[in-house]
Protein backbone atom coordinates (compact mmCIF):
# COMPACT_ATOMS: atom_id res chain seq x y z
CA MET A 1 -11.02 260.80 58.97
CA LYS A 2 -14.02 260.77 56.61
CA THR A 3 -13.93 262.33 53.57
CA THR A 4 -15.36 261.66 50.04
CA PHE A 5 -12.09 260.92 48.02
CA GLN A 6 -9.33 258.61 48.75
CA TYR A 7 -6.16 260.07 49.44
CA ASP A 8 -3.89 256.76 48.18
CA HIS A 9 -2.34 258.29 44.81
CA TYR A 10 -1.81 261.59 43.48
CA LEU A 11 -3.82 263.69 41.51
CA LEU A 12 -2.86 264.71 38.19
CA TYR A 13 -4.49 267.91 36.87
CA GLU A 14 -8.03 266.69 35.11
CA GLU A 15 -8.50 264.69 38.50
CA LEU A 16 -7.96 267.53 40.13
CA LYS A 17 -9.96 269.32 38.71
CA LYS A 18 -13.04 267.12 38.56
CA ASP A 19 -13.10 267.05 41.87
CA LEU A 20 -12.80 270.72 42.98
CA GLU A 21 -15.61 270.58 40.74
CA TYR A 22 -17.48 268.38 42.21
CA PHE A 23 -17.05 270.04 45.16
CA ALA A 24 -18.29 273.43 43.86
CA SER A 25 -21.49 271.49 42.30
CA THR A 26 -22.45 269.47 44.92
CA TYR A 27 -21.71 272.30 48.16
CA PRO A 28 -22.84 275.56 46.02
CA GLN A 29 -23.93 277.11 49.45
CA TYR A 30 -20.94 276.53 51.34
CA CYS A 31 -18.04 276.23 48.21
CA GLN A 32 -17.27 278.36 45.28
CA LEU A 33 -14.49 277.69 42.84
CA ALA A 34 -12.81 280.36 41.07
CA VAL A 35 -9.63 280.63 38.32
CA ASN A 36 -7.23 282.62 39.95
CA CYS A 37 -5.05 282.23 37.19
CA VAL A 38 -4.67 280.89 33.66
CA THR A 39 -1.04 279.15 32.85
CA GLU A 40 1.37 279.28 30.32
CA GLU A 41 0.31 275.86 29.10
CA ASN A 42 -3.46 276.50 29.78
CA ARG A 43 -4.09 275.35 32.51
CA ASN A 44 -6.25 277.05 35.79
CA GLN A 45 -4.46 278.04 38.98
CA TYR A 46 -7.96 277.40 41.16
CA VAL A 47 -8.87 279.38 44.28
CA VAL A 48 -11.51 277.99 46.45
CA THR A 49 -13.58 279.59 49.14
CA LEU A 50 -15.09 277.98 51.52
CA THR A 51 -18.03 279.39 53.90
CA ASN A 52 -21.87 279.16 54.46
CA GLN A 53 -23.14 282.16 52.60
CA LYS A 54 -26.08 282.04 54.65
CA THR A 55 -24.48 283.19 57.66
CA GLY A 56 -22.55 286.02 55.63
CA ASP A 57 -20.40 286.79 52.58
CA ALA A 58 -16.77 285.82 52.57
CA LEU A 59 -15.15 289.26 53.36
CA SER A 60 -17.28 289.62 56.32
CA LYS A 61 -15.55 286.69 58.19
CA PRO A 62 -12.26 286.55 59.44
CA GLY A 63 -10.55 284.85 56.78
CA TRP A 64 -7.54 282.15 56.82
CA TYR A 65 -5.61 281.00 53.43
CA LEU A 66 -4.28 277.62 52.52
CA ASP A 67 -1.76 276.29 49.75
CA GLY A 68 0.28 273.53 48.24
CA ASN A 69 2.65 273.03 45.18
CA ILE A 70 4.51 276.18 45.31
CA HIS A 71 7.28 274.16 43.97
CA ALA A 72 6.19 271.71 41.42
CA GLY A 73 7.42 268.29 42.87
CA GLU A 74 6.16 269.01 46.11
CA VAL A 75 3.13 267.55 45.26
CA THR A 76 1.91 266.27 49.16
CA SER A 77 0.54 269.82 49.67
CA SER A 78 -1.82 270.00 47.23
CA MET A 79 -2.99 266.70 48.40
CA CYS A 80 -2.85 268.15 51.95
CA ALA A 81 -4.81 271.26 50.65
CA MET A 82 -7.30 268.89 48.77
CA HIS A 83 -8.03 266.44 51.93
CA THR A 84 -8.92 270.00 53.88
CA ILE A 85 -11.38 271.04 51.64
CA ASP A 86 -12.77 267.79 51.31
CA TYR A 87 -13.08 267.26 54.69
CA LEU A 88 -14.53 270.54 55.84
CA LEU A 89 -17.00 270.12 53.16
CA THR A 90 -17.87 266.22 53.49
CA ASN A 91 -18.53 266.76 57.38
CA TYR A 92 -20.29 270.14 57.46
CA GLU A 93 -23.84 268.73 58.69
CA SER A 94 -22.04 265.96 60.88
CA ASP A 95 -18.99 267.75 62.65
CA PRO A 96 -19.77 270.62 64.78
CA THR A 97 -16.34 271.79 64.50
CA CYS A 98 -16.64 271.94 60.52
CA LYS A 99 -20.22 273.60 60.51
CA LYS A 100 -19.14 276.23 63.19
CA MET A 101 -15.69 276.76 60.95
CA LEU A 102 -17.66 277.51 57.90
CA ASP A 103 -20.34 279.37 59.38
CA GLU A 104 -18.04 281.96 60.92
CA GLU A 105 -15.14 281.78 58.95
CA THR A 106 -14.25 281.52 55.42
CA ILE A 107 -11.17 279.54 54.47
CA TYR A 108 -9.61 280.15 51.04
CA VAL A 109 -7.62 277.22 49.51
CA ILE A 110 -4.95 277.68 46.79
CA PRO A 111 -4.18 273.60 46.29
CA ARG A 112 -2.12 273.81 43.09
CA VAL A 113 -0.02 276.92 42.61
CA SER A 114 2.01 275.44 40.09
CA PRO A 115 -0.20 272.96 37.67
CA ASP A 116 2.07 273.30 35.01
CA GLY A 117 5.35 272.12 37.06
CA ALA A 118 2.93 269.42 39.24
CA GLU A 119 2.25 267.80 35.84
CA LYS A 120 5.56 267.77 34.62
CA PHE A 121 6.38 265.96 37.77
CA LEU A 122 3.84 263.62 37.78
CA SER A 123 3.90 262.66 34.29
CA SER A 124 7.06 262.26 33.29
CA ALA A 125 10.54 261.00 35.22
CA TYR A 126 11.68 264.87 35.43
CA THR A 127 12.27 266.39 38.65
CA LEU A 128 11.97 270.71 38.83
CA ARG A 129 11.81 273.21 41.28
CA SER A 130 8.39 275.51 40.14
CA ALA A 131 7.38 275.46 36.31
CA PRO A 132 8.79 273.46 33.05
CA ARG A 133 9.59 276.72 31.74
CA ASP A 134 13.33 277.67 30.04
CA TYR A 135 15.29 280.07 32.07
CA LEU A 136 18.72 280.95 31.98
CA SER A 137 19.43 277.77 30.44
CA LYS A 138 23.07 276.43 30.06
CA ASP A 139 24.05 273.61 27.50
CA GLY A 140 26.65 270.72 28.35
CA GLY A 141 26.95 268.04 30.88
CA VAL A 142 25.30 265.73 32.13
CA LYS A 143 21.22 266.12 31.55
CA PRO A 144 19.10 264.03 33.75
CA GLU A 145 17.18 261.18 31.78
CA ASP A 146 15.26 258.07 32.09
CA LEU A 147 17.81 255.98 30.59
CA ASP A 148 16.26 252.48 31.09
CA GLY A 149 12.48 253.33 30.63
CA ASP A 150 11.47 252.71 34.02
CA GLY A 151 9.98 256.00 34.92
CA VAL A 152 12.70 256.83 37.32
CA ILE A 153 15.98 259.38 36.90
CA ARG A 154 17.75 257.35 39.24
CA MET A 155 21.83 257.37 40.40
CA MET A 156 24.59 256.78 37.59
CA ARG A 157 27.85 255.62 38.63
CA ILE A 158 30.67 255.99 36.51
CA PRO A 159 34.03 253.82 36.57
CA THR A 160 37.09 256.34 35.93
CA PRO A 161 40.19 256.63 37.51
CA TYR A 162 39.58 259.75 38.63
CA GLY A 163 36.16 259.01 40.51
CA ALA A 164 35.85 260.31 44.41
CA TRP A 165 33.69 257.57 45.09
CA LYS A 166 34.10 253.78 45.49
CA LYS A 167 31.94 250.73 46.47
CA ASP A 168 30.73 250.29 49.95
CA PRO A 169 32.60 247.35 50.88
CA GLU A 170 30.07 246.95 54.04
CA ASN A 171 27.05 247.52 52.13
CA GLU A 172 26.95 246.63 48.28
CA ASP A 173 23.65 248.84 47.81
CA SER A 174 25.82 251.85 48.87
CA MET A 175 28.84 254.07 48.05
CA VAL A 176 31.38 255.62 49.89
CA LEU A 177 33.55 258.53 49.42
CA ARG A 178 37.88 257.76 48.60
CA GLN A 179 40.03 257.83 51.56
CA PRO A 180 43.52 260.08 51.13
CA SER A 181 45.42 256.81 50.76
CA ASP A 182 43.14 254.74 48.15
CA THR A 183 45.24 254.48 45.35
CA GLU A 184 43.89 251.22 43.98
CA GLY A 185 40.72 249.87 43.25
CA THR A 186 37.97 250.92 40.78
CA PHE A 187 36.38 254.36 41.56
CA TYR A 188 33.33 256.02 40.15
CA ASP A 189 31.84 259.56 39.76
CA ILE A 190 28.05 259.15 40.26
CA TYR A 191 26.01 261.39 38.12
CA PRO A 192 21.69 261.45 37.73
CA GLU A 193 21.19 258.78 35.42
CA GLY A 194 21.17 260.83 31.84
CA VAL A 195 22.47 262.17 28.87
CA MET A 196 26.15 263.86 27.79
CA GLU A 197 25.66 267.17 26.46
CA ASP A 198 29.05 268.28 24.90
CA TYR A 199 30.20 271.07 26.04
CA GLU A 200 33.05 273.15 25.95
CA GLY A 201 36.35 271.96 28.25
CA ASN A 202 34.54 268.51 28.51
CA GLU A 203 37.42 266.91 30.15
CA ASN A 204 36.16 267.32 33.38
CA LEU A 205 32.59 266.05 33.89
CA LYS A 206 29.58 268.48 35.08
CA GLN A 207 25.94 268.27 35.76
CA LYS A 208 24.16 270.22 33.26
CA LYS A 209 22.32 273.61 34.54
CA PRO A 210 18.81 273.24 34.82
CA SER A 211 16.81 274.44 32.37
CA TRP A 212 13.77 274.68 34.21
CA GLY A 213 15.49 276.64 36.93
CA LEU A 214 12.79 278.86 37.90
CA ASP A 215 11.88 279.14 42.11
CA PHE A 216 8.69 280.51 42.92
CA ASN A 217 9.44 281.09 46.51
CA ARG A 218 12.23 283.62 45.43
CA ASN A 219 9.94 285.46 43.34
CA PHE A 220 7.87 287.12 45.88
CA PRO A 221 8.24 290.93 46.74
CA LEU A 222 9.85 290.70 50.42
CA GLY A 223 13.24 290.31 50.30
CA TRP A 224 13.97 289.21 46.30
CA PHE A 225 17.37 289.61 45.02
CA PRO A 226 18.31 288.85 41.63
CA ASP A 227 19.33 285.58 40.11
CA SER A 228 22.98 286.31 40.62
CA ARG A 229 22.23 286.34 44.63
CA GLN A 230 19.76 283.23 44.83
CA ALA A 231 18.82 280.99 41.80
CA GLY A 232 15.51 280.62 40.50
CA ALA A 233 14.98 284.28 41.35
CA GLY A 234 13.01 285.46 38.05
CA LYS A 235 13.33 288.61 36.14
CA TYR A 236 11.87 290.88 39.10
CA PRO A 237 9.68 290.28 41.83
CA LEU A 238 6.04 288.67 40.94
CA SER A 239 7.39 288.15 37.91
CA ASN A 240 5.56 284.86 37.62
CA PRO A 241 2.02 285.07 36.91
CA GLU A 242 1.41 282.29 39.19
CA ASN A 243 3.22 284.00 42.38
CA LYS A 244 1.50 287.85 40.67
CA ALA A 245 -1.90 286.08 40.87
CA ILE A 246 -1.46 284.66 44.72
CA VAL A 247 -0.55 288.43 45.92
CA ASP A 248 -3.47 290.40 44.20
CA PHE A 249 -5.43 287.67 45.71
CA VAL A 250 -4.12 287.64 49.01
CA LEU A 251 -4.46 291.99 49.17
CA ALA A 252 -8.38 291.44 47.34
CA HIS A 253 -9.04 289.67 50.52
CA PRO A 254 -8.12 291.74 53.50
CA ASN A 255 -9.88 289.82 55.93
CA ILE A 256 -6.67 286.86 55.77
CA GLY A 257 -5.61 287.02 58.83
CA GLY A 258 -3.26 283.51 59.12
CA ALA A 259 -1.75 281.50 56.25
CA ALA A 260 -0.15 277.58 56.28
CA ILE A 261 1.91 276.94 52.84
CA GLY A 262 2.78 273.99 51.87
CA HIS A 263 5.77 272.66 50.73
CA THR A 264 8.23 269.03 51.23
CA SER A 265 10.08 267.86 52.79
CA GLY A 266 11.77 266.99 56.39
CA GLY A 267 8.84 267.25 58.95
CA LEU A 268 8.99 271.23 59.83
CA LEU A 269 7.14 273.88 61.01
CA LEU A 270 8.88 277.05 59.83
CA TYR A 271 8.22 280.48 60.86
CA PRO A 272 9.50 284.00 60.20
CA PRO A 273 11.19 285.71 59.77
CA GLY A 274 13.63 284.60 57.60
CA THR A 275 15.21 287.58 56.43
CA ARG A 276 16.40 288.58 59.74
CA PRO A 277 17.10 287.06 63.25
CA SER A 278 14.13 286.09 65.26
CA LYS A 279 14.89 288.17 68.22
CA SER A 280 14.71 291.62 65.90
CA ALA A 281 10.97 290.53 65.46
CA PRO A 282 8.63 291.66 68.48
CA ASN A 283 8.16 289.14 71.70
CA LYS A 284 4.48 288.84 71.56
CA ASP A 285 4.44 287.59 67.68
CA ILE A 286 7.40 285.00 68.05
CA GLU A 287 5.28 283.92 71.42
CA SER A 288 2.65 283.51 69.44
CA PHE A 289 4.00 281.93 66.38
CA GLN A 290 5.74 279.39 68.67
CA ALA A 291 2.13 278.83 70.85
CA ILE A 292 0.48 277.81 67.24
CA ALA A 293 3.67 275.83 66.22
CA GLU A 294 2.69 273.72 69.19
CA MET A 295 -0.48 272.51 67.46
CA GLY A 296 1.52 271.03 64.66
CA VAL A 297 3.95 269.84 67.19
CA GLN A 298 0.45 267.79 68.74
CA GLU A 299 -0.85 266.82 65.46
CA LEU A 300 1.81 265.88 62.87
CA GLY A 301 4.96 265.50 65.38
CA TYR A 302 6.85 267.95 63.08
CA GLN A 303 9.33 270.42 64.71
CA PRO A 304 9.03 273.95 64.54
CA MET A 305 11.50 276.63 64.40
CA ASN A 306 12.28 280.20 63.35
CA ILE A 307 13.44 280.61 59.49
CA PHE A 308 16.36 282.88 59.87
CA ASP A 309 17.74 281.52 63.24
CA SER A 310 17.94 278.11 62.58
CA PHE A 311 16.67 276.81 58.77
CA MET A 312 19.09 278.88 57.23
CA SER A 313 22.89 277.83 57.05
CA ASP A 314 23.90 280.56 55.10
CA GLN A 315 22.52 283.94 57.31
CA GLU A 316 24.77 286.67 55.41
CA HIS A 317 23.81 284.78 51.50
CA TYR A 318 19.94 283.63 52.90
CA ASP A 319 17.46 282.11 50.64
CA SER A 320 14.86 285.05 50.86
CA GLY A 321 12.00 286.42 48.41
CA ALA A 322 10.18 283.72 50.04
CA LEU A 323 5.82 283.90 50.83
CA ASP A 324 5.93 283.37 54.27
CA ASP A 325 8.22 286.59 54.54
CA TRP A 326 5.78 289.00 52.32
CA PHE A 327 2.80 287.69 54.40
CA TYR A 328 4.43 288.86 58.05
CA GLN A 329 6.72 290.79 57.00
CA SER A 330 4.62 293.32 54.28
CA GLN A 331 1.47 292.33 55.55
CA GLY A 332 1.73 291.90 59.44
CA ILE A 333 -0.06 288.12 58.94
CA PRO A 334 1.06 284.89 60.35
CA ALA A 335 2.24 282.77 58.58
CA TYR A 336 3.69 279.03 58.03
CA THR A 337 5.66 277.09 55.82
CA MET A 338 4.95 273.08 56.29
CA GLU A 339 7.50 271.02 55.39
CA PHE A 340 5.65 267.70 54.84
CA TRP A 341 6.68 264.05 55.31
CA ASP A 342 10.27 263.50 57.35
CA VAL A 343 11.08 259.93 55.94
CA ALA A 344 14.66 260.90 57.44
CA THR A 345 13.24 260.77 61.62
CA LYS A 346 11.31 257.43 60.10
CA SER A 347 14.98 255.84 58.82
CA GLY A 348 16.29 256.47 62.89
CA VAL A 349 18.53 259.98 61.52
CA PRO A 350 16.67 262.59 62.07
CA ARG A 351 17.95 266.12 60.53
CA GLU A 352 19.43 268.51 62.89
CA TRP A 353 18.71 271.98 62.35
CA ASN A 354 20.63 274.29 63.99
CA GLY A 355 21.69 276.95 61.32
CA LYS A 356 25.19 275.31 60.28
CA PRO A 357 26.12 272.91 57.58
CA GLU A 358 25.49 269.52 58.61
CA ASP A 359 28.42 267.03 59.03
CA PRO A 360 28.91 264.95 55.52
CA LYS A 361 29.44 261.63 57.54
CA LYS A 362 25.83 262.27 59.04
CA SER A 363 24.57 262.79 55.60
CA MET A 364 26.14 259.70 54.51
CA GLN A 365 24.79 257.90 57.50
CA ARG A 366 21.36 259.56 56.74
CA PHE A 367 21.52 258.24 53.07
CA ASN A 368 22.33 254.51 53.92
CA ALA A 369 19.26 254.41 56.44
CA ILE A 370 17.07 255.99 54.19
CA LEU A 371 18.29 253.32 51.60
CA LYS A 372 17.35 250.53 54.27
CA TRP A 373 13.91 251.95 54.96
CA VAL A 374 13.08 252.00 51.51
CA LYS A 375 13.96 248.44 50.76
CA ALA A 376 12.14 247.83 54.01
CA ASN A 377 9.09 249.74 53.58
CA ALA A 378 8.59 251.09 49.97
CA PRO A 379 10.67 248.13 47.69
CA GLU A 380 8.57 249.23 44.94
CA HIS A 381 10.76 252.71 44.48
CA TYR A 382 13.82 250.74 44.65
CA LEU A 383 16.46 249.22 42.07
CA ALA A 384 19.95 247.57 42.68
CA TRP A 385 22.75 248.37 40.58
CA GLN A 386 22.59 247.28 37.43
CA GLU A 387 24.64 247.50 34.15
CA TYR A 388 23.86 249.58 31.31
CA ASP A 389 25.86 250.41 28.13
CA HIS A 390 25.68 254.07 27.77
CA PRO A 391 26.49 255.47 24.47
CA TYR A 392 28.80 257.88 25.88
CA PHE A 393 30.18 256.59 28.97
CA GLY A 394 30.22 252.53 27.93
CA LYS A 395 29.69 250.64 30.66
CA VAL A 396 27.63 252.48 33.55
CA GLU A 397 25.70 250.97 36.59
CA LEU A 398 21.76 252.83 37.35
CA GLY A 399 20.64 252.26 40.89
CA GLY A 400 19.13 253.53 44.12
CA TYR A 401 15.44 254.81 44.80
CA ASN A 402 13.37 256.92 43.42
CA ILE A 403 13.51 260.02 45.25
CA LYS A 404 10.50 261.93 43.86
CA PHE A 405 8.10 259.22 46.54
CA THR A 406 10.43 258.38 49.01
CA VAL A 407 12.47 261.56 50.17
CA GLN A 408 10.54 264.26 48.45
CA ASN A 409 6.75 262.77 48.89
CA PRO A 410 5.65 259.65 50.77
CA PRO A 411 5.16 256.42 49.27
CA GLN A 412 1.50 256.71 48.24
CA GLU A 413 1.00 254.38 51.06
CA PHE A 414 1.89 256.56 53.48
CA LEU A 415 0.06 259.75 51.90
CA GLN A 416 -3.04 260.02 53.73
CA GLU A 417 -1.99 259.96 57.06
CA GLU A 418 0.53 262.87 56.31
CA CYS A 419 -2.73 264.35 54.87
CA GLU A 420 -5.10 263.47 58.05
CA HIS A 421 -2.73 264.78 60.35
CA ASP A 422 -2.34 268.13 58.55
CA THR A 423 -6.19 268.76 58.07
CA LYS A 424 -6.55 268.32 62.10
CA PHE A 425 -3.25 271.30 62.31
CA ASN A 426 -5.27 273.25 60.08
CA LEU A 427 -8.61 273.44 61.60
CA ARG A 428 -6.87 274.21 64.88
CA PHE A 429 -4.67 277.29 63.09
CA ALA A 430 -7.51 278.54 61.50
CA LYS A 431 -9.40 278.87 64.90
CA ALA A 432 -7.00 281.04 66.40
CA MET A 433 -8.16 283.74 63.92
CA PRO A 434 -9.61 286.69 66.18
CA HIS A 435 -13.03 287.07 66.11
CA LEU A 436 -15.34 289.90 66.86
CA THR A 437 -18.18 289.86 69.61
CA MET A 438 -21.09 292.04 70.98
CA GLU A 439 -20.99 291.48 74.13
CA SER A 440 -23.34 293.79 75.32
CA ILE A 441 -25.74 296.96 74.44
CA ALA A 442 -27.47 299.12 77.14
CA SER A 443 -29.81 301.78 77.04
CA GLU A 444 -30.36 304.83 79.30
CA LYS A 445 -33.20 307.07 79.06
CA LEU A 446 -31.82 310.71 79.65
CA SER A 447 -34.78 312.59 78.97
CA ASP A 448 -38.16 312.33 76.81
CA ASP A 449 -36.31 312.18 73.53
CA LEU A 450 -32.55 311.91 74.46
CA TYR A 451 -30.80 308.27 75.54
CA ARG A 452 -27.33 306.70 76.60
CA ILE A 453 -26.70 304.36 74.47
CA THR A 454 -23.58 301.96 75.60
CA ALA A 455 -22.25 298.59 74.02
CA VAL A 456 -19.41 296.90 74.96
CA VAL A 457 -17.48 294.79 71.96
CA GLY A 458 -14.73 292.27 72.11
CA ASN A 459 -12.10 289.71 70.13
CA LEU A 460 -12.72 286.27 71.16
CA GLY A 461 -10.12 285.07 69.34
CA TYR A 462 -6.40 283.92 70.71
CA LEU A 463 -4.89 286.53 67.98
CA PRO A 464 -5.52 290.09 68.79
CA THR A 465 -7.61 292.16 65.51
CA ASN A 466 -4.31 293.46 64.35
CA LEU A 467 -2.80 289.86 64.29
CA THR A 468 0.67 291.12 65.13
CA ASP A 469 2.85 294.00 66.40
CA GLU A 470 4.81 293.82 63.42
CA ALA A 471 1.23 294.75 61.44
CA LEU A 472 1.38 298.06 64.07
CA THR A 473 4.88 298.65 63.14
CA LEU A 474 4.23 298.14 59.65
CA LYS A 475 0.99 300.71 59.75
CA VAL A 476 -0.96 298.04 57.95
CA ASP A 477 -3.27 297.35 60.69
CA HIS A 478 -6.91 298.97 60.68
CA PRO A 479 -9.25 299.75 63.86
CA VAL A 480 -12.03 297.87 65.05
CA THR A 481 -15.13 300.21 63.79
CA LEU A 482 -18.43 300.62 65.26
CA THR A 483 -21.30 301.89 63.14
CA MET A 484 -24.59 303.51 64.93
CA GLU A 485 -28.11 302.79 62.83
CA GLY A 486 -31.36 304.30 63.33
CA GLY A 487 -30.79 306.85 65.69
CA GLU A 488 -29.44 310.92 65.12
CA VAL A 489 -26.27 310.78 67.54
CA VAL A 490 -26.09 313.99 69.32
CA GLU A 491 -22.87 312.71 71.16
CA GLY A 492 -20.11 310.30 69.85
CA LYS A 493 -19.80 309.44 66.13
CA GLN A 494 -22.05 307.60 63.52
CA VAL A 495 -18.75 305.89 62.99
CA THR A 496 -16.45 305.27 65.87
CA GLU A 497 -12.84 304.17 65.34
CA ILE A 498 -11.64 302.07 68.83
CA GLY A 499 -8.48 301.08 67.43
CA ASN A 500 -7.58 297.35 68.03
CA LEU A 501 -8.85 294.85 70.60
CA SER A 502 -6.05 292.12 71.78
CA GLY A 503 -6.89 288.12 71.61
CA TYR A 504 -6.22 285.81 74.62
CA SER A 505 -2.57 285.35 73.42
CA ARG A 506 -1.81 288.79 75.20
CA THR A 507 -3.13 287.85 78.53
CA LEU A 508 -0.74 287.35 81.22
CA THR A 509 -0.77 284.37 82.91
CA GLY A 510 1.77 282.35 85.28
CA TYR A 511 2.39 280.75 88.68
CA GLY A 512 1.12 282.70 92.17
CA TYR A 513 2.83 282.03 95.09
CA GLY A 514 2.52 278.16 94.46
CA ASN A 515 -0.69 278.78 92.26
CA LEU A 516 -1.88 278.84 88.83
CA THR A 517 -2.76 282.79 88.55
CA THR A 518 -3.58 285.42 85.72
CA TRP A 519 -1.91 288.86 86.37
CA GLU A 520 -3.88 290.66 83.87
CA ASN A 521 -6.34 290.02 81.14
CA ALA A 522 -5.56 290.98 77.78
CA PRO A 523 -7.63 294.17 76.61
CA ALA A 524 -9.83 292.37 74.33
CA LYS A 525 -12.84 294.64 75.00
CA LYS A 526 -14.04 298.03 74.97
CA LYS A 527 -16.85 300.16 75.97
CA VAL A 528 -18.38 302.97 74.03
CA SER A 529 -21.15 305.23 74.29
CA TRP A 530 -23.36 307.78 72.41
CA ILE A 531 -26.40 309.98 73.37
CA VAL A 532 -28.87 309.20 70.46
CA LYS A 533 -32.16 311.02 69.82
CA GLY A 534 -34.94 308.94 69.06
CA LYS A 535 -38.30 307.96 70.17
CA PRO A 536 -39.61 305.58 72.53
CA GLY A 537 -39.88 302.24 70.37
CA ASN A 538 -37.33 303.32 68.00
CA THR A 539 -34.72 300.38 67.28
CA LEU A 540 -30.87 300.76 67.39
CA VAL A 541 -28.77 298.77 65.50
CA ILE A 542 -24.56 298.88 66.66
CA LYS A 543 -22.51 297.08 63.99
CA ALA A 544 -18.79 295.98 64.82
CA ALA A 545 -16.61 295.50 61.84
CA SER A 546 -12.81 294.77 61.70
CA GLU A 547 -10.88 293.51 58.53
CA LYS A 548 -9.29 290.60 59.88
CA ALA A 549 -11.75 289.60 63.06
CA GLY A 550 -15.07 289.62 60.90
CA THR A 551 -18.93 291.50 61.92
CA ALA A 552 -21.09 291.23 64.79
CA GLU A 553 -23.94 293.61 65.37
CA LYS A 554 -27.14 293.67 68.20
CA SER A 555 -30.04 296.10 68.34
CA ILE A 556 -31.99 297.28 71.31
CA GLN A 557 -35.23 299.20 71.54
CA LEU A 558 -35.57 302.62 73.06
């Protein structure tokens, strides 16, 4: 796919900022760059608005939302978002799909929700969930650190007679759990490579609780619970400025009708609801979610699934406070969490998602398969066990693969392919938005100065103008309106509300007696009439508007 920049490495903040500024200055008619919020470390959370301003302002068109890096270490998602921006702008003049999209829709992109977190992740050996800000930290235990200075925090095996692990006799690179009968030999604890912080009762080792424990995807208002229920949730919903900026932006841009939220990893397309079973959601909503997700299967090869039914292994104490649920369960907007990169499937031992905890034997089998894959495909991210003289534990061994760029994100040589597949899905998803059209307008003369004006307005999109049935339940849908301009309305209203227009996702299709058939068209268009007083030659304009489906208009001369 033709792009301006190469997607063969992960962008630090200054390079990402430079690329965004390039797009805004090179394509000012199609790309507007704004600061959505400023972080505690004085970096910008940028928002990019992509649309052709000559064909209408951003809010007058159907909108679609894309983001990346809600979680600091999931940097693949920000690269995918940047690739979509790049592809649309670079190919606007040469690709009819890109031109049509920016002429008729508005794409909003927040490529890096947590620039502070991503910068720490990319510029150090550390891993973290969302932001490098102290949150409910506790001292004591093994604290991850890069002891040998190779830029990676790997596994550290510590010889101890109390250890639960032993060396795998069939694979020198791996470990296995001790059997109940294992009483002779050398045994180990396995901790992250790191230093020891003393704590009370330190006879028994433990990992230090992460100091940077905030989880932005537990801080959104829908389904928020305090930290005692879900770690990292924050002090209260939207207590993080980065979270609040997203919600404020979405509410200020009511044309947004769909959302793709970037995460890693697992090769999944997750759709809501995530706080209740999918059977509790409207059937037509779930059917639409599945149909859109099928395009992700075609473009990405990812596995679609409902969050609550299949992704959650604990359906009593489930994770929540996530952005996708806020989009759907408070705003009625279809939203997907994209879990990019799936090294498990590439290694030949894919994860089975069925809403149940996985058998530890299967997890161990997958670890060994990934280890083998990394050694064969990304050996630069692998280190064989090496002895290290630890100041606290004495002789230990460090080794294993760099999970940051093997499991959590692809090695750099695999990044561009991931970005290209995602851009293809994004363009297809955005096309599913509702889209108003003024199908026809007609005039019938009733007397010297009275005319009956009839207009037919329709929705050409896959989704209805209300997007989902959930939006109807929540009463957050807004009716399509028709406005008559240029004449005195004698019968009817100057501004007429006509309710919602369905999309072709609601058309009833199937098999007749041996044939394909349409049983009933979706109610995707409506006829409206007025009686207007005017003179021959007067021009009347009828404008249709929908919060989610954009605008359309036609004129007629009496």
